[in-house]
Amino acid sequence: MYPVFNYLGMKRISEEVPVAFPPQSQPRQPGVEAIMDPWPISENPCEGSRGKLCGRVALITGGDSGIGRAVAYAFAREGADIAIAYLNEHDDAMETKRHVESIGRPCLTVACDLRSEEGAAAVVAKTMERYGKLDCLVNNHAVQFLQKSILDITEEQLETTFRTNIYSFFFLVKAVLPRLRSGATIINTTSVTAFRGDRDLLDYSAAKGAIVSFTRSLALSLMESGIRVNAVSPGPVWTPLQPASRAPEEIETFGTWGTSRSGMRRAGQPFEIAPAYVFLASDDSSFMSGEVLHPNGGIIV
């Protein structure tokens, strides 16, 4: 176990997080959190609310589990009303909804396929129908397929990776933009692989690099509208995507060696990434647009 320390006022609080994980795999992506061992840590029990997002509505894709779930919890603690979009992980989505509502905020869950413009438009429409407005879009969903060589990447895989990881971001922004007002925010999840590369994740890294360029260009495009666009670039994080895309023996050392190794020699937990999204969604970052935050465990980029 690795001690993580947080300071709230003058009080030191610790949370034990795992360094290694039991071998495990899942049959399909994006994976199910409920069957992971151990469960990812989605919430910092020591974190209090400061009301930074009171009165705001956030749509979080991939919000059923992993980083998306942690962002939903963190946003709810700060007073936001939540909508989460997910593919078909219904049990995970219901757990996120249950916990958000236990915090005291409403949570809309929408199962959809964001790889089409119709799917993106539908989830935005349902969010507007429920809440009447939208203040923050978090594009967070993704898939990844490890391959040893570019020769192993089929046209079908390439299409799936790009349609899921970057086309859908375009679709969602197009759907949501007519509803956003000045002061709204868009946050895109990219990856450390966009900056460092990964020999086994060629198409994933390329798509994540596209997200960085998309973020910077969209920020310039929307500057005069008063809509800020930023990104978060996590390092290795313990989410369902990992056992759903890696061999069981790779899970044992995930985050501790090879191309997935962080400088801290461990994988991050979702709750350690979520504060970056709160910062970018709140007025704390009012002088930032087109930027990328790097909660990556000490990897220098």
Protein backbone atom coordinates (compact mmCIF):
# COMPACT_ATOMS: atom_id res chain seq x y z
CA MET A 1 0.00 0.00 0.00
CA TYR A 2 1.11 3.56 -0.71
CA PRO A 3 0.23 6.42 1.65
CA VAL A 4 -1.49 9.39 0.07
CA PHE A 5 -1.78 12.50 2.18
CA ASN A 6 -4.25 15.33 1.90
CA TYR A 7 -4.39 18.46 4.03
CA LEU A 8 -7.77 19.95 4.85
CA GLY A 9 -7.11 22.98 7.01
CA MET A 10 -4.35 21.88 9.40
CA LYS A 11 -5.47 18.27 9.69
CA ARG A 12 -3.53 15.49 7.96
CA ILE A 13 -5.68 12.72 6.54
CA SER A 14 -4.36 9.56 4.88
CA GLU A 15 -5.92 7.14 2.40
CA GLU A 16 -4.24 3.84 1.60
CA VAL A 17 -4.11 3.04 -2.10
CA PRO A 18 -2.80 -0.17 -3.70
CA VAL A 19 0.47 -0.37 -5.57
CA ALA A 20 -0.14 -3.79 -7.19
CA PHE A 21 -3.29 -5.53 -8.40
CA PRO A 22 -4.33 -9.21 -8.70
CA PRO A 23 -4.21 -10.63 -12.25
CA GLN A 24 -7.59 -10.13 -13.91
CA SER A 25 -9.24 -9.44 -17.23
CA GLN A 26 -12.66 -8.59 -18.60
CA PRO A 27 -14.21 -9.78 -21.87
CA ARG A 28 -15.08 -6.43 -23.44
CA GLN A 29 -14.59 -2.69 -23.23
CA PRO A 30 -15.06 -0.23 -21.70
CA GLY A 31 -15.21 -2.62 -18.74
CA VAL A 32 -17.26 -2.99 -15.56
CA GLU A 33 -16.15 -1.48 -12.28
CA ALA A 34 -18.35 -3.69 -10.10
CA ILE A 35 -16.24 -6.79 -10.84
CA MET A 36 -12.81 -5.20 -10.42
CA ASP A 37 -10.49 -6.33 -7.62
CA PRO A 38 -9.98 -4.05 -5.80
CA TRP A 39 -12.58 -1.44 -6.69
CA PRO A 40 -11.12 1.87 -7.82
CA ILE A 41 -11.26 4.59 -5.17
CA SER A 42 -13.73 7.09 -6.59
CA GLU A 43 -14.03 9.55 -3.74
CA ASN A 44 -11.74 11.23 -1.26
CA PRO A 45 -13.57 10.77 2.06
CA CYS A 46 -11.69 13.72 3.51
CA GLU A 47 -12.73 16.24 0.88
CA GLY A 48 -15.36 18.77 1.90
CA SER A 49 -17.66 20.90 -0.24
CA ARG A 50 -16.88 24.51 -1.06
CA GLY A 51 -19.89 25.04 -3.32
CA LYS A 52 -17.74 25.82 -6.36
CA LEU A 53 -20.30 24.45 -8.83
CA CYS A 54 -23.57 25.41 -7.16
CA GLY A 55 -26.38 25.98 -9.62
CA ARG A 56 -24.55 24.33 -12.52
CA VAL A 57 -25.43 21.30 -14.63
CA ALA A 58 -22.71 18.96 -15.88
CA LEU A 59 -22.88 16.21 -18.49
CA ILE A 60 -20.12 13.63 -17.96
CA THR A 61 -19.54 10.92 -20.54
CA GLY A 62 -18.19 7.63 -19.26
CA GLY A 63 -19.63 8.72 -15.93
CA ASP A 64 -20.65 5.24 -14.86
CA SER A 65 -17.17 4.27 -13.63
CA GLY A 66 -13.50 5.15 -13.42
CA ILE A 67 -12.49 8.78 -13.77
CA GLY A 68 -15.98 9.75 -14.94
CA ARG A 69 -17.56 8.37 -11.78
CA ALA A 70 -15.03 10.19 -9.60
CA VAL A 71 -15.73 13.44 -11.47
CA ALA A 72 -19.47 12.96 -10.96
CA TYR A 73 -18.93 12.54 -7.22
CA ALA A 74 -16.61 15.53 -6.98
CA PHE A 75 -18.94 17.76 -9.01
CA ALA A 76 -21.93 16.69 -6.91
CA ARG A 77 -20.08 17.56 -3.70
CA GLU A 78 -19.50 21.03 -5.15
CA GLY A 79 -23.23 21.50 -5.78
CA ALA A 80 -23.66 20.53 -9.44
CA ASP A 81 -26.60 18.62 -10.90
CA ILE A 82 -25.28 15.61 -12.81
CA ALA A 83 -26.04 13.77 -16.05
CA ILE A 84 -23.90 10.78 -17.02
CA ALA A 85 -23.73 9.08 -20.40
CA TYR A 86 -22.52 5.50 -20.69
CA LEU A 87 -22.64 2.62 -23.16
CA ASN A 88 -24.24 -0.42 -21.48
CA GLU A 89 -22.71 -0.80 -17.98
CA HIS A 90 -26.07 -0.42 -16.25
CA ASP A 91 -25.09 -1.68 -12.79
CA ASP A 92 -22.11 0.67 -12.62
CA ALA A 93 -24.28 3.57 -13.78
CA MET A 94 -26.90 2.85 -11.13
CA GLU A 95 -24.20 2.81 -8.43
CA THR A 96 -22.94 6.20 -9.58
CA LYS A 97 -26.50 7.54 -9.59
CA ARG A 98 -27.16 6.14 -6.12
CA HIS A 99 -24.08 7.73 -4.64
CA VAL A 100 -24.56 11.11 -6.33
CA GLU A 101 -28.09 11.21 -4.96
CA SER A 102 -26.80 10.26 -1.50
CA ILE A 103 -24.62 13.37 -1.68
CA GLY A 104 -27.82 15.33 -2.24
CA ARG A 105 -27.72 16.07 -5.97
CA PRO A 106 -29.89 14.67 -8.80
CA CYS A 107 -28.30 12.33 -11.33
CA LEU A 108 -29.66 11.53 -14.79
CA THR A 109 -28.30 8.36 -16.41
CA VAL A 110 -28.44 7.91 -20.19
CA ALA A 111 -27.33 4.73 -21.96
CA CYS A 112 -26.25 5.65 -25.49
CA ASP A 113 -23.72 5.07 -28.24
CA LEU A 114 -21.79 8.29 -28.76
CA ARG A 115 -20.06 7.09 -31.91
CA SER A 116 -22.86 8.64 -33.97
CA GLU A 117 -24.15 12.20 -34.17
CA GLU A 118 -27.61 10.88 -33.35
CA GLY A 119 -26.41 9.32 -30.09
CA ALA A 120 -24.62 12.49 -29.03
CA ALA A 121 -27.63 14.65 -29.86
CA ALA A 122 -29.95 12.33 -27.91
CA VAL A 123 -27.98 12.50 -24.67
CA VAL A 124 -27.76 16.29 -24.86
CA ALA A 125 -31.49 16.52 -25.56
CA LYS A 126 -32.32 14.32 -22.56
CA THR A 127 -30.08 16.41 -20.31
CA MET A 128 -31.80 19.61 -21.45
CA GLU A 129 -35.22 18.01 -20.98
CA ARG A 130 -34.33 17.08 -17.40
CA TYR A 131 -32.49 20.20 -16.26
CA GLY A 132 -33.34 22.95 -18.75
CA LYS A 133 -29.74 24.03 -19.16
CA LEU A 134 -26.17 22.78 -19.42
CA ASP A 135 -23.07 24.50 -18.04
CA CYS A 136 -20.29 21.94 -18.35
CA LEU A 137 -19.54 19.13 -20.81
CA VAL A 138 -16.93 16.55 -19.78
CA ASN A 139 -15.84 14.39 -22.73
CA ASN A 140 -14.30 11.46 -20.90
CA HIS A 141 -15.18 8.12 -22.54
CA ALA A 142 -12.60 6.04 -24.44
CA VAL A 143 -11.49 2.61 -25.62
CA GLN A 144 -7.98 1.22 -26.10
CA PHE A 145 -6.60 -1.88 -27.81
CA LEU A 146 -3.03 -2.94 -27.14
CA GLN A 147 -1.15 -4.24 -30.18
CA LYS A 148 2.54 -5.12 -30.46
CA SER A 149 2.86 -3.79 -34.01
CA ILE A 150 1.10 -1.38 -36.35
CA LEU A 151 0.76 -4.41 -38.63
CA ASP A 152 -1.71 -5.86 -36.11
CA ILE A 153 -4.01 -2.80 -36.14
CA THR A 154 -6.91 -3.57 -38.45
CA GLU A 155 -8.97 -1.00 -40.29
CA GLU A 156 -11.89 -1.95 -38.04
CA GLN A 157 -9.87 -1.30 -34.87
CA LEU A 158 -8.61 2.03 -36.20
CA GLU A 159 -12.14 3.10 -37.04
CA THR A 160 -13.44 2.04 -33.60
CA THR A 161 -10.67 3.85 -31.75
CA PHE A 162 -11.02 7.14 -33.59
CA ARG A 163 -14.82 7.10 -33.79
CA THR A 164 -15.04 6.46 -30.03
CA ASN A 165 -12.17 8.59 -28.79
CA ILE A 166 -12.31 11.71 -30.96
CA TYR A 167 -15.20 11.68 -33.47
CA SER A 168 -17.66 11.49 -30.58
CA PHE A 169 -16.07 14.55 -28.96
CA PHE A 170 -16.83 16.52 -32.12
CA PHE A 171 -20.39 15.16 -32.17
CA LEU A 172 -21.02 16.09 -28.53
CA VAL A 173 -19.63 19.60 -28.86
CA LYS A 174 -21.76 20.19 -31.97
CA ALA A 175 -24.84 18.99 -30.09
CA VAL A 176 -24.20 20.96 -26.93
CA LEU A 177 -22.85 24.23 -28.33
CA PRO A 178 -26.23 25.85 -29.12
CA ARG A 179 -27.21 25.29 -25.47
CA LEU A 180 -24.08 26.75 -23.85
CA ARG A 181 -23.92 30.30 -22.59
CA SER A 182 -20.99 32.53 -21.80
CA GLY A 183 -19.21 31.15 -18.73
CA ALA A 184 -19.78 27.51 -19.71
CA THR A 185 -16.91 25.05 -19.82
CA ILE A 186 -15.86 22.05 -21.91
CA ILE A 187 -13.31 19.59 -20.48
CA ASN A 188 -11.75 16.86 -22.61
CA THR A 189 -9.91 13.83 -21.26
CA THR A 190 -6.71 13.17 -23.17
CA SER A 191 -3.79 11.02 -21.92
CA VAL A 192 -0.11 11.07 -21.08
CA THR A 193 0.29 8.89 -24.18
CA ALA A 194 -0.48 11.97 -26.29
CA PHE A 195 2.76 13.49 -25.04
CA ARG A 196 4.98 10.47 -24.34
CA GLY A 197 3.61 7.93 -26.80
CA ASP A 198 3.11 4.22 -26.11
CA ARG A 199 4.56 1.50 -28.31
CA ASP A 200 1.57 -0.79 -27.75
CA LEU A 201 -1.12 1.90 -28.11
CA LEU A 202 -0.41 3.52 -31.46
CA ASP A 203 -3.97 4.34 -32.50
CA TYR A 204 -5.04 5.27 -28.95
CA SER A 205 -2.06 7.63 -28.55
CA ALA A 206 -2.78 9.22 -31.93
CA ALA A 207 -6.42 9.81 -31.01
CA LYS A 208 -5.45 11.25 -27.65
CA GLY A 209 -3.00 13.56 -29.41
CA ALA A 210 -5.86 14.67 -31.63
CA ILE A 211 -7.83 15.57 -28.49
CA VAL A 212 -5.03 17.93 -27.40
CA SER A 213 -5.11 19.74 -30.75
CA PHE A 214 -8.91 19.71 -30.73
CA THR A 215 -8.93 21.28 -27.25
CA ARG A 216 -6.54 24.08 -28.20
CA SER A 217 -8.27 24.85 -31.50
CA LEU A 218 -11.77 24.74 -30.01
CA ALA A 219 -10.64 27.06 -27.21
CA LEU A 220 -9.59 29.62 -29.82
CA SER A 221 -12.82 29.10 -31.75
CA LEU A 222 -15.02 29.72 -28.71
CA MET A 223 -12.96 32.42 -26.99
CA GLU A 224 -15.22 35.28 -28.07
CA SER A 225 -18.28 33.30 -26.92
CA GLY A 226 -16.96 33.22 -23.36
CA ILE A 227 -16.85 29.41 -23.35
CA ARG A 228 -13.64 27.95 -21.94
CA VAL A 229 -12.18 24.67 -23.25
CA ASN A 230 -9.46 22.75 -21.42
CA ALA A 231 -8.21 19.18 -21.04
CA VAL A 232 -6.93 16.75 -18.43
CA SER A 233 -4.11 14.34 -19.30
CA PRO A 234 -4.01 11.51 -16.73
CA GLY A 235 -1.19 9.02 -16.39
CA PRO A 236 -1.91 5.35 -15.55
CA VAL A 237 -5.14 5.19 -13.50
CA TRP A 238 -6.91 2.14 -12.06
CA THR A 239 -10.17 2.08 -14.04
CA PRO A 240 -12.25 -0.67 -15.72
CA LEU A 241 -10.57 0.12 -19.03
CA GLN A 242 -7.38 -1.51 -17.77
CA PRO A 243 -8.56 -5.09 -17.05
CA ALA A 244 -10.86 -4.81 -20.08
CA SER A 245 -7.92 -4.17 -22.42
CA ARG A 246 -4.83 -5.76 -20.83
CA ALA A 247 -3.68 -9.32 -20.20
CA PRO A 248 -4.07 -10.52 -16.58
CA GLU A 249 -0.31 -10.65 -15.99
CA GLU A 250 0.04 -7.00 -17.04
CA ILE A 251 -2.44 -5.93 -14.36
CA GLU A 252 -0.14 -7.12 -11.58
CA THR A 253 2.39 -4.45 -12.44
CA PHE A 254 0.14 -1.81 -13.97
CA GLY A 255 1.57 1.61 -13.21
CA THR A 256 4.82 0.22 -11.80
CA TRP A 257 6.89 -0.66 -14.88
CA GLY A 258 7.12 -0.39 -18.65
CA THR A 259 5.35 2.25 -20.70
CA SER A 260 2.52 2.48 -18.13
CA ARG A 261 4.89 3.27 -15.25
CA SER A 262 4.39 6.52 -13.38
CA GLY A 263 7.21 8.36 -11.67
CA MET A 264 5.61 7.40 -8.34
CA ARG A 265 5.79 3.71 -9.32
CA ARG A 266 2.07 3.12 -8.86
CA ALA A 267 -1.20 3.64 -10.67
CA GLY A 268 -3.35 6.59 -9.73
CA GLN A 269 -6.83 6.29 -8.30
CA PRO A 270 -9.80 8.10 -9.91
CA PHE A 271 -10.35 10.34 -6.87
CA GLU A 272 -6.83 11.72 -7.35
CA ILE A 273 -7.69 12.89 -10.87
CA ALA A 274 -11.15 14.38 -10.22
CA PRO A 275 -9.98 17.65 -8.56
CA ALA A 276 -8.39 18.71 -11.86
CA TYR A 277 -11.85 18.63 -13.44
CA VAL A 278 -13.41 20.58 -10.57
CA PHE A 279 -10.75 23.25 -11.01
CA LEU A 280 -11.36 23.53 -14.76
CA ALA A 281 -15.15 23.56 -14.39
CA SER A 282 -15.13 26.23 -11.67
CA ASP A 283 -14.33 29.92 -11.62
CA ASP A 284 -10.95 29.07 -10.08
CA SER A 285 -9.70 28.57 -13.66
CA SER A 286 -11.48 31.60 -15.17
CA PHE A 287 -8.22 32.81 -16.78
CA MET A 288 -7.48 29.46 -18.45
CA SER A 289 -8.55 28.14 -21.84
CA GLY A 290 -6.79 25.84 -24.29
CA GLU A 291 -4.67 24.35 -21.50
CA VAL A 292 -3.91 20.78 -20.40
CA LEU A 293 -3.50 19.65 -16.78
CA HIS A 294 -1.23 16.66 -16.10
CA PRO A 295 -2.14 14.55 -13.03
CA ASN A 296 0.11 11.70 -14.10
CA GLY A 297 2.07 10.48 -11.07
CA GLY A 298 5.21 12.46 -11.81
CA ILE A 299 5.76 11.58 -15.48
CA ILE A 300 7.65 14.49 -17.04
CA VAL A 301 6.09 15.65 -20.32
